[in-house]
C-alpha atoms as a PDB file:
ATOM      1  CA  MET A   1     105.319 114.930  53.524  1.00  0.00           C
ATOM      2  CA  ARG A   2     107.278 118.042  54.068  1.00  0.00           C
ATOM      3  CA  ALA A   3     109.837 119.392  56.443  1.00  0.00           C
ATOM      4  CA  MET A   4     112.057 122.365  57.229  1.00  0.00           C
ATOM      5  CA  ALA A   5     115.751 121.794  58.209  1.00  0.00           C
ATOM      6  CA  LEU A   6     117.104 124.644  60.400  1.00  0.00           C
ATOM      7  CA  ALA A   7     120.609 125.170  59.067  1.00  0.00           C
ATOM      8  CA  ALA A   8     121.120 128.910  59.121  1.00  0.00           C
ATOM      9  CA  GLY A   9     122.947 129.311  62.389  1.00  0.00           C
ATOM     10  CA  LEU A  10     126.458 130.698  62.598  1.00  0.00           C
ATOM     11  CA  GLY A  11     127.875 127.586  64.302  1.00  0.00           C
ATOM     12  CA  THR A  12     130.187 129.640  66.559  1.00  0.00           C
ATOM     13  CA  ARG A  13     130.321 126.811  69.191  1.00  0.00           C
ATOM     14  CA  LEU A  14     131.616 124.463  66.474  1.00  0.00           C
ATOM     15  CA  ARG A  15     134.641 126.617  65.623  1.00  0.00           C
ATOM     16  CA  PRO A  16     137.265 125.783  64.289  1.00  0.00           C
ATOM     17  CA  LEU A  17     135.113 123.304  62.264  1.00  0.00           C
ATOM     18  CA  THR A  18     133.059 126.276  60.930  1.00  0.00           C
ATOM     19  CA  ASP A  19     135.942 128.654  60.158  1.00  0.00           C
ATOM     20  CA  ASP A  20     135.383 127.873  56.463  1.00  0.00           C
ATOM     21  CA  ARG A  21     131.950 126.447  56.115  1.00  0.00           C
ATOM     22  CA  PRO A  22     128.452 126.526  57.610  1.00  0.00           C
ATOM     23  CA  LYS A  23     127.592 124.220  60.473  1.00  0.00           C
ATOM     24  CA  ALA A  24     125.272 122.208  58.016  1.00  0.00           C
ATOM     25  CA  LEU A  25     128.367 121.158  56.117  1.00  0.00           C
ATOM     26  CA  VAL A  26     130.467 119.995  59.130  1.00  0.00           C
ATOM     27  CA  GLU A  27     131.154 116.335  58.651  1.00  0.00           C
ATOM     28  CA  LEU A  28     130.339 113.443  60.997  1.00  0.00           C
ATOM     29  CA  GLY A  29     131.423 110.016  59.889  1.00  0.00           C
ATOM     30  CA  ARG A  30     132.232 111.278  56.303  1.00  0.00           C
ATOM     31  CA  ARG A  31     128.665 112.666  55.885  1.00  0.00           C
ATOM     32  CA  THR A  32     127.671 116.222  56.516  1.00  0.00           C
ATOM     33  CA  LEU A  33     125.154 117.196  59.210  1.00  0.00           C
ATOM     34  CA  LEU A  34     122.781 118.370  56.451  1.00  0.00           C
ATOM     35  CA  GLU A  35     123.053 114.970  54.644  1.00  0.00           C
ATOM     36  CA  ILE A  36     122.311 113.129  57.811  1.00  0.00           C
ATOM     37  CA  THR A  37     119.377 115.306  58.578  1.00  0.00           C
ATOM     38  CA  LEU A  38     117.886 115.082  55.021  1.00  0.00           C
ATOM     39  CA  GLU A  39     118.410 111.326  54.670  1.00  0.00           C
ATOM     40  CA  ARG A  40     116.815 110.760  58.082  1.00  0.00           C
ATOM     41  CA  LEU A  41     113.786 112.784  57.105  1.00  0.00           C
ATOM     42  CA  ARG A  42     113.590 111.040  53.772  1.00  0.00           C
ATOM     43  CA  GLY A  43     113.661 107.667  55.565  1.00  0.00           C
ATOM     44  CA  PHE A  44     110.450 108.607  57.318  1.00  0.00           C
ATOM     45  CA  GLY A  45     108.608 109.545  54.176  1.00  0.00           C
ATOM     46  CA  VAL A  46     109.605 113.202  53.778  1.00  0.00           C
ATOM     47  CA  SER A  47     110.040 114.065  50.049  1.00  0.00           C
ATOM     48  CA  GLU A  48     109.984 117.915  50.172  1.00  0.00           C
ATOM     49  CA  VAL A  49     112.211 120.074  52.312  1.00  0.00           C
ATOM     50  CA  ILE A  50     112.998 123.741  52.645  1.00  0.00           C
ATOM     51  CA  VAL A  51     116.414 124.549  54.202  1.00  0.00           C
ATOM     52  CA  ASN A  52     117.275 128.034  55.592  1.00  0.00           C
ATOM     53  CA  THR A  53     120.757 129.522  55.051  1.00  0.00           C
ATOM     54  CA  HIS A  54     122.741 132.443  56.167  1.00  0.00           C
ATOM     55  CA  PRO A  55     126.553 132.208  56.086  1.00  0.00           C
ATOM     56  CA  TYR A  56     128.110 130.364  53.138  1.00  0.00           C
ATOM     57  CA  ALA A  57     124.689 130.074  51.416  1.00  0.00           C
ATOM     58  CA  GLU A  58     126.180 129.481  47.966  1.00  0.00           C
ATOM     59  CA  MET A  59     128.225 126.584  49.507  1.00  0.00           C
ATOM     60  CA  VAL A  60     125.116 124.951  50.732  1.00  0.00           C
ATOM     61  CA  GLU A  61     123.301 125.378  47.426  1.00  0.00           C
ATOM     62  CA  SER A  62     126.275 123.926  45.475  1.00  0.00           C
ATOM     63  CA  TYR A  63     126.520 121.096  47.751  1.00  0.00           C
ATOM     64  CA  LEU A  64     122.809 120.204  47.389  1.00  0.00           C
ATOM     65  CA  ALA A  65     123.035 120.515  43.548  1.00  0.00           C
ATOM     66  CA  ALA A  66     126.148 118.333  43.440  1.00  0.00           C
ATOM     67  CA  ASN A  67     124.242 115.605  45.402  1.00  0.00           C
ATOM     68  CA  ASP A  68     121.020 115.880  43.392  1.00  0.00           C
ATOM     69  CA  ASN A  69     119.258 117.143  46.496  1.00  0.00           C
ATOM     70  CA  PHE A  70     119.576 113.712  47.969  1.00  0.00           C
ATOM     71  CA  GLY A  71     116.683 112.518  45.830  1.00  0.00           C
ATOM     72  CA  MET A  72     114.249 115.160  47.339  1.00  0.00           C
ATOM     73  CA  ARG A  73     112.646 118.369  46.340  1.00  0.00           C
ATOM     74  CA  VAL A  74     114.787 120.907  48.225  1.00  0.00           C
ATOM     75  CA  GLU A  75     114.003 124.658  48.399  1.00  0.00           C
ATOM     76  CA  ILE A  76     116.211 127.315  49.971  1.00  0.00           C
ATOM     77  CA  SER A  77     115.127 130.100  52.341  1.00  0.00           C
ATOM     78  CA  HIS A  78     118.040 132.533  52.513  1.00  0.00           C
ATOM     79  CA  GLU A  79     118.274 134.918  55.487  1.00  0.00           C
ATOM     80  CA  ASP A  80     120.230 138.085  54.850  1.00  0.00           C
ATOM     81  CA  VAL A  81     119.887 138.675  58.680  1.00  0.00           C
ATOM     82  CA  LEU A  82     119.526 135.707  60.965  1.00  0.00           C
ATOM     83  CA  LEU A  83     115.828 135.151  61.905  1.00  0.00           C
ATOM     84  CA  ASP A  84     116.272 132.470  64.585  1.00  0.00           C
ATOM     85  CA  THR A  85     114.022 129.358  64.684  1.00  0.00           C
ATOM     86  CA  GLY A  86     110.655 131.166  64.706  1.00  0.00           C
ATOM     87  CA  GLY A  87     111.481 133.917  62.276  1.00  0.00           C
ATOM     88  CA  GLY A  88     113.101 131.396  59.917  1.00  0.00           C
ATOM     89  CA  LEU A  89     110.028 129.230  60.068  1.00  0.00           C
ATOM     90  CA  LYS A  90     107.756 132.234  59.432  1.00  0.00           C
ATOM     91  CA  GLN A  91     109.766 133.283  56.382  1.00  0.00           C
ATOM     92  CA  ALA A  92     109.380 129.820  54.920  1.00  0.00           C
ATOM     93  CA  ALA A  93     105.532 129.828  55.309  1.00  0.00           C
ATOM     94  CA  TRP A  94     105.055 130.001  51.489  1.00  0.00           C
ATOM     95  CA  PHE A  95     106.567 126.507  51.217  1.00  0.00           C
ATOM     96  CA  PHE A  96     103.695 124.945  53.339  1.00  0.00           C
ATOM     97  CA  ALA A  97     100.906 127.306  52.138  1.00  0.00           C
ATOM     98  CA  ASP A  98      99.131 124.813  49.735  1.00  0.00           C
ATOM     99  CA  SER A  99      98.833 121.964  52.310  1.00  0.00           C
ATOM    100  CA  ASP A 100      97.126 121.451  55.567  1.00  0.00           C
ATOM    101  CA  GLU A 101      99.306 118.415  56.457  1.00  0.00           C
ATOM    102  CA  PRO A 102     101.603 118.625  59.521  1.00  0.00           C
ATOM    103  CA  PHE A 103     105.271 118.977  58.792  1.00  0.00           C
ATOM    104  CA  PHE A 104     108.620 118.436  60.633  1.00  0.00           C
ATOM    105  CA  LEU A 105     110.808 121.239  61.786  1.00  0.00           C
ATOM    106  CA  HIS A 106     114.238 119.749  62.464  1.00  0.00           C
ATOM    107  CA  ASN A 107     117.469 121.270  63.778  1.00  0.00           C
ATOM    108  CA  VAL A 108     120.430 120.231  61.535  1.00  0.00           C
ATOM    109  CA  ASP A 109     122.799 120.104  64.598  1.00  0.00           C
ATOM    110  CA  VAL A 110     121.073 117.266  66.455  1.00  0.00           C
ATOM    111  CA  LEU A 111     121.570 113.528  66.030  1.00  0.00           C
ATOM    112  CA  SER A 112     118.873 111.137  67.206  1.00  0.00           C
ATOM    113  CA  GLY A 113     117.205 107.798  66.884  1.00  0.00           C
ATOM    114  CA  ILE A 114     113.744 109.282  67.694  1.00  0.00           C
ATOM    115  CA  ASP A 115     110.977 107.491  65.811  1.00  0.00           C
ATOM    116  CA  LEU A 116     109.674 110.374  63.659  1.00  0.00           C
ATOM    117  CA  ALA A 117     106.757 108.288  62.242  1.00  0.00           C
ATOM    118  CA  ALA A 118     105.438 107.619  65.778  1.00  0.00           C
ATOM    119  CA  MET A 119     105.907 111.365  66.589  1.00  0.00           C
ATOM    120  CA  MET A 120     103.854 112.280  63.587  1.00  0.00           C
ATOM    121  CA  ARG A 121     101.054 109.828  64.524  1.00  0.00           C
ATOM    122  CA  PHE A 122     101.086 111.207  68.176  1.00  0.00           C
ATOM    123  CA  HIS A 123     100.818 114.767  66.875  1.00  0.00           C
ATOM    124  CA  VAL A 124      97.745 113.952  64.700  1.00  0.00           C
ATOM    125  CA  GLU A 125      96.062 111.820  67.391  1.00  0.00           C
ATOM    126  CA  ASN A 126      96.393 114.575  69.883  1.00  0.00           C
ATOM    127  CA  ASP A 127      95.102 117.335  67.523  1.00  0.00           C
ATOM    128  CA  ALA A 128      98.108 119.464  68.551  1.00  0.00           C
ATOM    129  CA  LEU A 129      99.157 122.772  67.041  1.00  0.00           C
ATOM    130  CA  ALA A 130     102.759 121.744  67.656  1.00  0.00           C
ATOM    131  CA  THR A 131     104.449 118.723  69.154  1.00  0.00           C
ATOM    132  CA  LEU A 132     107.904 118.929  70.644  1.00  0.00           C
ATOM    133  CA  ALA A 133     110.144 115.799  70.997  1.00  0.00           C
ATOM    134  CA  VAL A 134     111.311 115.895  74.604  1.00  0.00           C
ATOM    135  CA  GLN A 135     113.343 113.751  77.032  1.00  0.00           C
ATOM    136  CA  ARG A 136     113.948 113.368  80.686  1.00  0.00           C
ATOM    137  CA  ARG A 137     117.586 114.403  80.897  1.00  0.00           C
ATOM    138  CA  GLN A 138     119.827 117.195  82.207  1.00  0.00           C
ATOM    139  CA  THR A 139     119.544 120.446  80.345  1.00  0.00           C
ATOM    140  CA  SER A 140     120.292 124.140  81.060  1.00  0.00           C
ATOM    141  CA  ARG A 141     116.972 125.169  79.503  1.00  0.00           C
ATOM    142  CA  PRO A 142     114.195 122.809  80.505  1.00  0.00           C
ATOM    143  CA  LEU A 143     110.607 123.206  79.326  1.00  0.00           C
ATOM    144  CA  LEU A 144     107.713 122.688  81.623  1.00  0.00           C
ATOM    145  CA  PHE A 145     104.745 120.394  80.809  1.00  0.00           C
ATOM    146  CA  ASP A 146     101.658 119.687  82.834  1.00  0.00           C
ATOM    147  CA  GLU A 147     100.180 116.228  83.692  1.00  0.00           C
ATOM    148  CA  ALA A 148      98.421 116.012  80.342  1.00  0.00           C
ATOM    149  CA  GLY A 149     101.756 116.520  78.629  1.00  0.00           C
ATOM    150  CA  LEU A 150     101.032 120.106  77.384  1.00  0.00           C
ATOM    151  CA  LEU A 151     103.490 122.980  77.463  1.00  0.00           C
ATOM    152  CA  CYS A 152     102.932 125.334  80.399  1.00  0.00           C
ATOM    153  CA  GLY A 153     106.174 127.113  80.907  1.00  0.00           C
ATOM    154  CA  ARG A 154     109.957 127.111  80.957  1.00  0.00           C
ATOM    155  CA  VAL A 155     112.936 127.427  83.291  1.00  0.00           C
ATOM    156  CA  LEU A 156     115.032 130.605  82.663  1.00  0.00           C
ATOM    157  CA  LYS A 157     118.778 130.987  82.961  1.00  0.00           C
ATOM    158  CA  ASP A 158     118.517 132.358  86.487  1.00  0.00           C
ATOM    159  CA  GLY A 159     116.529 129.254  87.645  1.00  0.00           C
ATOM    160  CA  SER A 160     113.176 131.112  87.803  1.00  0.00           C
ATOM    161  CA  ARG A 161     110.097 129.850  86.049  1.00  0.00           C
ATOM    162  CA  GLU A 162     108.220 131.591  83.252  1.00  0.00           C
ATOM    163  CA  MET A 163     104.675 130.147  83.263  1.00  0.00           C
ATOM    164  CA  ALA A 164     102.257 130.305  80.303  1.00  0.00           C
ATOM    165  CA  ARG A 165      99.614 129.079  82.759  1.00  0.00           C
ATOM    166  CA  GLU A 166      99.531 127.851  86.412  1.00  0.00           C
ATOM    167  CA  VAL A 167      99.291 124.124  86.934  1.00  0.00           C
ATOM    168  CA  ALA A 168      99.283 121.966  90.009  1.00  0.00           C
ATOM    169  CA  ARG A 169     102.494 120.110  88.955  1.00  0.00           C
ATOM    170  CA  ALA A 170     104.929 120.796  86.184  1.00  0.00           C
ATOM    171  CA  GLU A 171     107.502 118.346  84.888  1.00  0.00           C
ATOM    172  CA  GLU A 172     110.885 119.643  83.596  1.00  0.00           C
ATOM    173  CA  LEU A 173     111.873 118.062  80.206  1.00  0.00           C
ATOM    174  CA  ALA A 174     114.542 118.725  77.678  1.00  0.00           C
ATOM    175  CA  PHE A 175     113.700 119.718  74.163  1.00  0.00           C
ATOM    176  CA  ALA A 176     115.359 117.611  71.477  1.00  0.00           C
ATOM    177  CA  GLY A 177     115.333 120.169  68.601  1.00  0.00           C
ATOM    178  CA  ILE A 178     112.514 118.354  66.559  1.00  0.00           C
ATOM    179  CA  HIS A 179     109.051 119.660  66.117  1.00  0.00           C
ATOM    180  CA  VAL A 180     105.918 118.482  64.275  1.00  0.00           C
ATOM    181  CA  ILE A 181     103.790 121.467  63.385  1.00  0.00           C
ATOM    182  CA  SER A 182     100.375 122.059  61.839  1.00  0.00           C
ATOM    183  CA  PRO A 183     100.395 124.732  59.121  1.00  0.00           C
ATOM    184  CA  ARG A 184      97.690 126.783  60.746  1.00  0.00           C
ATOM    185  CA  ILE A 185     100.479 128.047  63.066  1.00  0.00           C
ATOM    186  CA  PHE A 186     101.406 130.528  60.404  1.00  0.00           C
ATOM    187  CA  ASP A 187      98.068 132.396  60.952  1.00  0.00           C
ATOM    188  CA  LEU A 188      99.013 132.630  64.677  1.00  0.00           C
ATOM    189  CA  LEU A 189     102.635 133.743  64.484  1.00  0.00           C
ATOM    190  CA  SER A 190     102.246 137.468  65.257  1.00  0.00           C
ATOM    191  CA  GLU A 191     106.005 137.952  66.024  1.00  0.00           C
ATOM    192  CA  ASP A 192     108.056 139.819  63.411  1.00  0.00           C
ATOM    193  CA  GLY A 193     111.751 139.688  62.426  1.00  0.00           C
ATOM    194  CA  GLY A 194     114.051 137.311  64.251  1.00  0.00           C
ATOM    195  CA  PHE A 195     112.508 135.422  67.074  1.00  0.00           C
ATOM    196  CA  SER A 196     112.830 132.001  68.773  1.00  0.00           C
ATOM    197  CA  ILE A 197     110.084 129.468  68.290  1.00  0.00           C
ATOM    198  CA  ILE A 198     110.082 128.584  72.061  1.00  0.00           C
ATOM    199  CA  PRO A 199     108.675 131.922  73.394  1.00  0.00           C
ATOM    200  CA  ALA A 200     106.154 131.750  70.499  1.00  0.00           C
ATOM    201  CA  ASN A 201     105.111 128.347  71.624  1.00  0.00           C
ATOM    202  CA  LEU A 202     104.669 129.532  75.185  1.00  0.00           C
ATOM    203  CA  ARG A 203     102.519 132.493  73.975  1.00  0.00           C
ATOM    204  CA  LEU A 204     100.326 130.177  72.024  1.00  0.00           C
ATOM    205  CA  ALA A 205     100.062 127.769  74.954  1.00  0.00           C
ATOM    206  CA  ARG A 206      98.952 130.710  77.062  1.00  0.00           C
ATOM    207  CA  ALA A 207      96.289 131.452  74.460  1.00  0.00           C
ATOM    208  CA  GLY A 208      94.943 127.823  74.921  1.00  0.00           C
ATOM    209  CA  GLU A 209      96.600 126.197  71.910  1.00  0.00           C
ATOM    210  CA  ARG A 210      97.717 122.565  72.418  1.00  0.00           C
ATOM    211  CA  ILE A 211     101.566 122.434  72.353  1.00  0.00           C
ATOM    212  CA  ALA A 212     102.261 118.770  73.266  1.00  0.00           C
ATOM    213  CA  ALA A 213     105.193 116.738  74.487  1.00  0.00           C
ATOM    214  CA  TYR A 214     106.217 113.699  72.587  1.00  0.00           C
ATOM    215  CA  ARG A 215     108.249 111.612  75.065  1.00  0.00           C
ATOM    216  CA  ALA A 216     111.375 110.141  73.489  1.00  0.00           C
ATOM    217  CA  ASP A 217     113.129 109.142  76.756  1.00  0.00           C
ATOM    218  CA  GLY A 218     114.563 105.902  75.481  1.00  0.00           C
ATOM    219  CA  ALA A 219     115.813 107.219  72.132  1.00  0.00           C
ATOM    220  CA  TYR A 220     119.424 108.062  71.328  1.00  0.00           C
ATOM    221  CA  TRP A 221     119.981 111.894  71.167  1.00  0.00           C
ATOM    222  CA  ARG A 222     123.000 114.078  71.020  1.00  0.00           C
ATOM    223  CA  ASP A 223     123.518 117.791  70.455  1.00  0.00           C
ATOM    224  CA  LEU A 224     126.134 118.413  67.796  1.00  0.00           C
ATOM    225  CA  GLY A 225     126.854 121.948  68.742  1.00  0.00           C
ATOM    226  CA  LYS A 226     130.531 121.481  69.755  1.00  0.00           C
ATOM    227  CA  PRO A 227     133.601 119.753  68.189  1.00  0.00           C
ATOM    228  CA  GLU A 228     133.800 117.324  71.086  1.00  0.00           C
ATOM    229  CA  SER A 229     130.052 116.373  70.530  1.00  0.00           C
ATOM    230  CA  ILE A 230     131.056 115.514  66.900  1.00  0.00           C
ATOM    231  CA  VAL A 231     133.898 113.298  68.112  1.00  0.00           C
ATOM    232  CA  GLN A 232     131.625 111.532  70.570  1.00  0.00           C
ATOM    233  CA  ALA A 233     128.812 111.091  68.032  1.00  0.00           C
ATOM    234  CA  GLU A 234     131.388 109.437  65.650  1.00  0.00           C
ATOM    235  CA  ARG A 235     132.239 107.000  68.465  1.00  0.00           C
ATOM    236  CA  ASP A 236     128.502 106.296  69.031  1.00  0.00           C
ATOM    237  CA  MET A 237     127.935 105.600  65.341  1.00  0.00           C
ATOM    238  CA  ALA A 238     131.018 103.292  65.205  1.00  0.00           C
ATOM    239  CA  GLY A 239     129.541 101.502  68.341  1.00  0.00           C
ATOM    240  CA  GLY A 240     126.185 101.040  66.649  1.00  0.00           C
ATOM    241  CA  LEU A 241     124.353 103.343  69.110  1.00  0.00           C
ATOM    242  CA  VAL A 242     122.861 105.198  66.124  1.00  0.00           C
ATOM    243  CA  GLY A 243     122.774 104.894  62.415  1.00  0.00           C
END
């Protein structure tokens, strides 16, 4: 099983922790965010991972080599210019080219107890192009899903709705930073350069593709984008809320 760990971001919200390192190498409970992500993926059967890099790329590569890639095959996709989530994924298409098996796309700056095996099964059973782990919680950027659990829009910063298609009722759900994606998406990503995967998902939903919601409402989840989030996550780990 394969995955991509999104680790190329500048980590500006994590400063000063990222003043001398990439966000992927920020530590949480004496482990880096990258180590936590890779070991979690490995625990669900992932043996091959591609990691995108931008700032401090050599530091990430040296770190992986020093830790024997945490027992996995790890490839690097370096971005001279940040490509965002969608552009980064598209650049890494070669890594998935020889397989038709779905793969995980996992942000390195989220910590969760989401059952990735159940999420993969859900994706396959629903014959989805992409499946997004989502939860019913407060967020500044909710996505909209119809009664069948398929992506139909999103809420913009000004509170207005961007709809991929009109539906009778749309539920607002928070994206958890984890996808399962079928490789045929690479034939459908017409965007070039740097672009976010979310607008691409909306375009594909508008075209009739199945972009599904995997409900993970009861699972632990935390965004690790700010120093105070790191501190709270360490408390959560110490309290046994997440491994």
